[in-house]
Amino acid sequence: MGEFDLITRYFTRPAKRAVLGVGDDCALWQVQPGMQLAVSSDMLVEGRHFLSTVPPKRLGHKALAVNLSDLAASGAKPLAFTLALALPRVDETWLQG
């Protein structure tokens, strides 16, 4: 089952305050009257979105760029960020860059 099939099958019921749910560039929540919160979380997976030889600084830049792009597409102003990576193992030497 692909990503979008999974979303359609199990995650189409919107959250109580959702303005725009899962499946678009960002999810939007009404946090207070006149204010919405846009959330984007695109995970990068080693072997699919990046090679194991990519330096951590470049990978961090890419991870931030793809999510900032989603926020920009929604007209949102960035406030904070999180990081979502799938690595087959933890390599502290690589992480310290």
N, C-alpha and C. Protein backbone atom coordinates (compact mmCIF):
# COMPACT_ATOMS: atom_id res chain seq x y z
N MET A 1 0.85 -1.17 0.00
CA MET A 1 0.00 0.00 0.00
C MET A 1 0.90 1.23 0.00
N GLY A 2 0.63 2.17 -0.90
CA GLY A 2 1.40 3.40 -1.00
C GLY A 2 0.98 4.43 0.03
N GLU A 3 1.76 5.49 0.12
CA GLU A 3 1.53 6.56 1.09
C GLU A 3 0.13 7.15 0.96
N PHE A 4 -0.27 7.51 -0.25
CA PHE A 4 -1.56 8.18 -0.42
C PHE A 4 -2.73 7.23 -0.25
N ASP A 5 -2.55 5.95 -0.59
CA ASP A 5 -3.59 4.96 -0.31
C ASP A 5 -3.78 4.79 1.19
N LEU A 6 -2.68 4.75 1.92
CA LEU A 6 -2.73 4.64 3.38
C LEU A 6 -3.46 5.83 3.99
N ILE A 7 -3.13 7.03 3.54
CA ILE A 7 -3.78 8.24 4.05
C ILE A 7 -5.28 8.19 3.76
N THR A 8 -5.64 7.87 2.52
CA THR A 8 -7.06 7.82 2.13
C THR A 8 -7.83 6.80 2.95
N ARG A 9 -7.23 5.65 3.17
CA ARG A 9 -7.93 4.56 3.85
C ARG A 9 -8.08 4.78 5.35
N TYR A 10 -7.05 5.31 6.00
CA TYR A 10 -7.05 5.35 7.46
C TYR A 10 -7.05 6.74 8.09
N PHE A 11 -6.72 7.77 7.33
CA PHE A 11 -6.53 9.07 7.96
C PHE A 11 -7.33 10.19 7.30
N THR A 12 -8.47 9.90 6.73
CA THR A 12 -9.25 10.94 6.06
C THR A 12 -10.24 11.64 6.99
N ARG A 13 -10.48 11.06 8.15
CA ARG A 13 -11.38 11.73 9.09
C ARG A 13 -10.65 12.93 9.69
N PRO A 14 -11.15 14.14 9.46
CA PRO A 14 -10.43 15.33 9.93
C PRO A 14 -10.47 15.48 11.45
N ALA A 15 -9.42 16.07 11.97
CA ALA A 15 -9.36 16.39 13.39
C ALA A 15 -10.41 17.46 13.69
N LYS A 16 -10.77 17.59 14.95
CA LYS A 16 -11.84 18.50 15.36
C LYS A 16 -11.63 19.93 14.87
N ARG A 17 -10.43 20.46 14.99
CA ARG A 17 -10.16 21.84 14.58
C ARG A 17 -9.46 21.94 13.23
N ALA A 18 -9.43 20.85 12.48
CA ALA A 18 -8.73 20.86 11.20
C ALA A 18 -9.45 21.72 10.17
N VAL A 19 -8.70 22.58 9.53
CA VAL A 19 -9.20 23.36 8.40
C VAL A 19 -8.86 22.61 7.12
N LEU A 20 -7.68 22.01 7.10
CA LEU A 20 -7.20 21.21 5.98
C LEU A 20 -6.45 20.02 6.56
N GLY A 21 -6.89 18.82 6.25
CA GLY A 21 -6.32 17.63 6.87
C GLY A 21 -5.11 17.07 6.14
N VAL A 22 -4.75 15.88 6.53
CA VAL A 22 -3.61 15.16 5.98
C VAL A 22 -3.80 14.95 4.48
N GLY A 23 -2.69 15.00 3.74
CA GLY A 23 -2.73 14.70 2.32
C GLY A 23 -2.37 15.87 1.44
N ASP A 24 -2.33 17.07 1.97
CA ASP A 24 -1.92 18.23 1.20
C ASP A 24 -0.49 18.59 1.61
N ASP A 25 -0.01 19.76 1.15
CA ASP A 25 1.34 20.18 1.54
C ASP A 25 1.46 20.31 3.05
N CYS A 26 0.43 20.85 3.66
CA CYS A 26 0.42 21.05 5.11
C CYS A 26 -0.97 20.72 5.65
N ALA A 27 -1.00 20.36 6.91
CA ALA A 27 -2.27 20.29 7.61
C ALA A 27 -2.48 21.65 8.26
N LEU A 28 -3.72 22.12 8.30
CA LEU A 28 -4.03 23.42 8.91
C LEU A 28 -5.02 23.23 10.04
N TRP A 29 -4.72 23.84 11.20
CA TRP A 29 -5.62 23.81 12.34
C TRP A 29 -5.99 25.23 12.73
N GLN A 30 -7.24 25.39 13.13
CA GLN A 30 -7.72 26.66 13.66
C GLN A 30 -7.34 26.69 15.13
N VAL A 31 -6.33 27.48 15.50
CA VAL A 31 -5.87 27.50 16.90
C VAL A 31 -6.60 28.54 17.73
N GLN A 32 -7.03 29.60 17.08
CA GLN A 32 -7.88 30.60 17.71
C GLN A 32 -8.54 31.39 16.59
N PRO A 33 -9.58 32.14 16.87
CA PRO A 33 -10.25 32.88 15.79
C PRO A 33 -9.25 33.76 15.04
N GLY A 34 -9.23 33.62 13.72
CA GLY A 34 -8.35 34.43 12.89
C GLY A 34 -6.91 33.94 12.80
N MET A 35 -6.60 32.81 13.46
CA MET A 35 -5.23 32.30 13.42
C MET A 35 -5.24 30.80 13.14
N GLN A 36 -4.45 30.41 12.14
CA GLN A 36 -4.31 28.99 11.80
C GLN A 36 -2.85 28.57 11.99
N LEU A 37 -2.67 27.31 12.31
CA LEU A 37 -1.33 26.73 12.45
C LEU A 37 -1.15 25.73 11.32
N ALA A 38 -0.09 25.91 10.52
CA ALA A 38 0.24 25.00 9.43
C ALA A 38 1.35 24.07 9.90
N VAL A 39 1.18 22.77 9.67
CA VAL A 39 2.17 21.78 10.08
C VAL A 39 2.55 20.92 8.88
N SER A 40 3.86 20.77 8.69
CA SER A 40 4.37 19.93 7.61
C SER A 40 5.41 18.98 8.20
N SER A 41 5.34 17.72 7.81
CA SER A 41 6.31 16.74 8.31
C SER A 41 6.59 15.70 7.23
N ASP A 42 7.52 16.01 6.35
CA ASP A 42 7.93 15.07 5.32
C ASP A 42 9.17 14.33 5.82
N MET A 43 9.06 13.03 6.00
CA MET A 43 10.19 12.23 6.45
C MET A 43 11.08 11.88 5.26
N LEU A 44 12.39 11.95 5.48
CA LEU A 44 13.36 11.52 4.47
C LEU A 44 13.91 10.16 4.89
N VAL A 45 13.92 9.23 3.95
CA VAL A 45 14.33 7.85 4.22
C VAL A 45 15.63 7.55 3.47
N GLU A 46 16.63 7.07 4.21
CA GLU A 46 17.90 6.70 3.58
C GLU A 46 17.66 5.62 2.54
N GLY A 47 18.29 5.78 1.38
CA GLY A 47 18.12 4.83 0.29
C GLY A 47 16.98 5.18 -0.64
N ARG A 48 16.09 6.04 -0.18
CA ARG A 48 14.97 6.48 -1.02
C ARG A 48 15.08 7.97 -1.35
N HIS A 49 15.33 8.79 -0.32
CA HIS A 49 15.41 10.24 -0.51
C HIS A 49 16.84 10.77 -0.44
N PHE A 50 17.75 9.97 0.09
CA PHE A 50 19.16 10.38 0.18
C PHE A 50 20.04 9.15 0.29
N LEU A 51 21.29 9.30 -0.11
CA LEU A 51 22.26 8.21 -0.01
C LEU A 51 22.97 8.25 1.34
N SER A 52 23.49 7.13 1.78
CA SER A 52 24.18 7.07 3.07
C SER A 52 25.45 7.91 3.08
N THR A 53 25.94 8.30 1.91
CA THR A 53 27.17 9.09 1.82
C THR A 53 26.93 10.60 1.94
N VAL A 54 25.68 11.02 2.01
CA VAL A 54 25.37 12.44 2.12
C VAL A 54 25.79 12.93 3.51
N PRO A 55 26.57 14.02 3.58
CA PRO A 55 26.96 14.57 4.88
C PRO A 55 25.74 15.06 5.67
N PRO A 56 25.78 14.97 6.99
CA PRO A 56 24.62 15.36 7.81
C PRO A 56 24.18 16.80 7.60
N LYS A 57 25.12 17.71 7.39
CA LYS A 57 24.75 19.12 7.20
C LYS A 57 23.91 19.28 5.92
N ARG A 58 24.30 18.61 4.84
CA ARG A 58 23.53 18.67 3.59
C ARG A 58 22.17 18.01 3.75
N LEU A 59 22.14 16.91 4.49
CA LEU A 59 20.87 16.22 4.72
C LEU A 59 19.93 17.08 5.55
N GLY A 60 20.45 17.73 6.58
CA GLY A 60 19.63 18.63 7.38
C GLY A 60 19.07 19.77 6.55
N HIS A 61 19.90 20.31 5.67
CA HIS A 61 19.46 21.38 4.77
C HIS A 61 18.32 20.90 3.88
N LYS A 62 18.48 19.70 3.31
CA LYS A 62 17.43 19.16 2.44
C LYS A 62 16.14 18.91 3.22
N ALA A 63 16.26 18.33 4.41
CA ALA A 63 15.07 18.05 5.23
C ALA A 63 14.32 19.34 5.55
N LEU A 64 15.05 20.38 5.88
CA LEU A 64 14.42 21.66 6.17
C LEU A 64 13.80 22.27 4.91
N ALA A 65 14.53 22.18 3.79
CA ALA A 65 14.05 22.77 2.54
C ALA A 65 12.74 22.16 2.05
N VAL A 66 12.62 20.83 2.12
CA VAL A 66 11.38 20.21 1.61
C VAL A 66 10.18 20.61 2.45
N ASN A 67 10.37 20.76 3.75
CA ASN A 67 9.25 21.15 4.61
C ASN A 67 8.95 22.64 4.51
N LEU A 68 9.98 23.48 4.37
CA LEU A 68 9.74 24.91 4.15
C LEU A 68 9.02 25.14 2.83
N SER A 69 9.33 24.34 1.84
CA SER A 69 8.65 24.43 0.55
C SER A 69 7.15 24.14 0.70
N ASP A 70 6.82 23.14 1.50
CA ASP A 70 5.40 22.82 1.75
C ASP A 70 4.71 23.98 2.46
N LEU A 71 5.38 24.58 3.44
CA LEU A 71 4.79 25.72 4.15
C LEU A 71 4.59 26.90 3.19
N ALA A 72 5.59 27.17 2.36
CA ALA A 72 5.48 28.27 1.39
C ALA A 72 4.32 28.03 0.43
N ALA A 73 4.15 26.79 -0.01
CA ALA A 73 3.05 26.46 -0.93
C ALA A 73 1.69 26.73 -0.29
N SER A 74 1.65 26.67 1.04
CA SER A 74 0.39 26.93 1.75
C SER A 74 0.27 28.38 2.18
N GLY A 75 1.28 29.20 1.88
CA GLY A 75 1.25 30.60 2.27
C GLY A 75 1.53 30.83 3.74
N ALA A 76 2.15 29.84 4.40
CA ALA A 76 2.41 29.94 5.83
C ALA A 76 3.76 30.59 6.11
N LYS A 77 3.88 31.18 7.29
CA LYS A 77 5.13 31.78 7.75
C LYS A 77 5.77 30.81 8.74
N PRO A 78 7.02 30.36 8.50
CA PRO A 78 7.66 29.39 9.39
C PRO A 78 7.82 29.93 10.81
N LEU A 79 7.56 29.08 11.78
CA LEU A 79 7.69 29.43 13.19
C LEU A 79 8.72 28.55 13.88
N ALA A 80 8.70 27.26 13.58
CA ALA A 80 9.60 26.30 14.21
C ALA A 80 9.73 25.10 13.28
N PHE A 81 10.61 24.17 13.62
CA PHE A 81 10.74 22.98 12.79
C PHE A 81 11.06 21.76 13.64
N THR A 82 10.75 20.60 13.08
CA THR A 82 11.13 19.32 13.67
C THR A 82 11.91 18.56 12.60
N LEU A 83 12.49 17.44 12.96
CA LEU A 83 13.27 16.65 12.03
C LEU A 83 12.75 15.22 12.03
N ALA A 84 12.53 14.66 10.84
CA ALA A 84 12.09 13.27 10.71
C ALA A 84 12.97 12.57 9.69
N LEU A 85 13.83 11.68 10.17
CA LEU A 85 14.73 10.91 9.31
C LEU A 85 14.58 9.44 9.63
N ALA A 86 14.73 8.59 8.64
CA ALA A 86 14.76 7.14 8.85
C ALA A 86 16.16 6.66 8.48
N LEU A 87 16.92 6.28 9.50
CA LEU A 87 18.29 5.80 9.31
C LEU A 87 18.34 4.34 9.74
N PRO A 88 19.07 3.48 9.01
CA PRO A 88 19.13 2.07 9.39
C PRO A 88 19.92 1.81 10.67
N ARG A 89 20.78 2.74 11.04
CA ARG A 89 21.58 2.60 12.25
C ARG A 89 22.05 3.98 12.70
N VAL A 90 22.42 4.10 13.95
CA VAL A 90 22.95 5.36 14.47
C VAL A 90 24.47 5.32 14.34
N ASP A 91 25.02 6.31 13.68
CA ASP A 91 26.47 6.44 13.51
C ASP A 91 26.87 7.79 14.09
N GLU A 92 27.35 7.78 15.34
CA GLU A 92 27.66 9.03 16.03
C GLU A 92 28.73 9.85 15.31
N THR A 93 29.70 9.19 14.69
CA THR A 93 30.73 9.92 13.95
C THR A 93 30.09 10.69 12.80
N TRP A 94 29.18 10.05 12.07
CA TRP A 94 28.48 10.71 10.97
C TRP A 94 27.61 11.85 11.50
N LEU A 95 26.89 11.62 12.60
CA LEU A 95 26.01 12.64 13.15
C LEU A 95 26.77 13.88 13.59
N GLN A 96 27.99 13.70 14.09
CA GLN A 96 28.79 14.84 14.54
C GLN A 96 29.43 15.57 13.37
N GLY A 97 29.36 14.97 12.17
CA GLY A 97 29.73 15.59 10.92
C GLY A 97 31.13 16.05 10.79
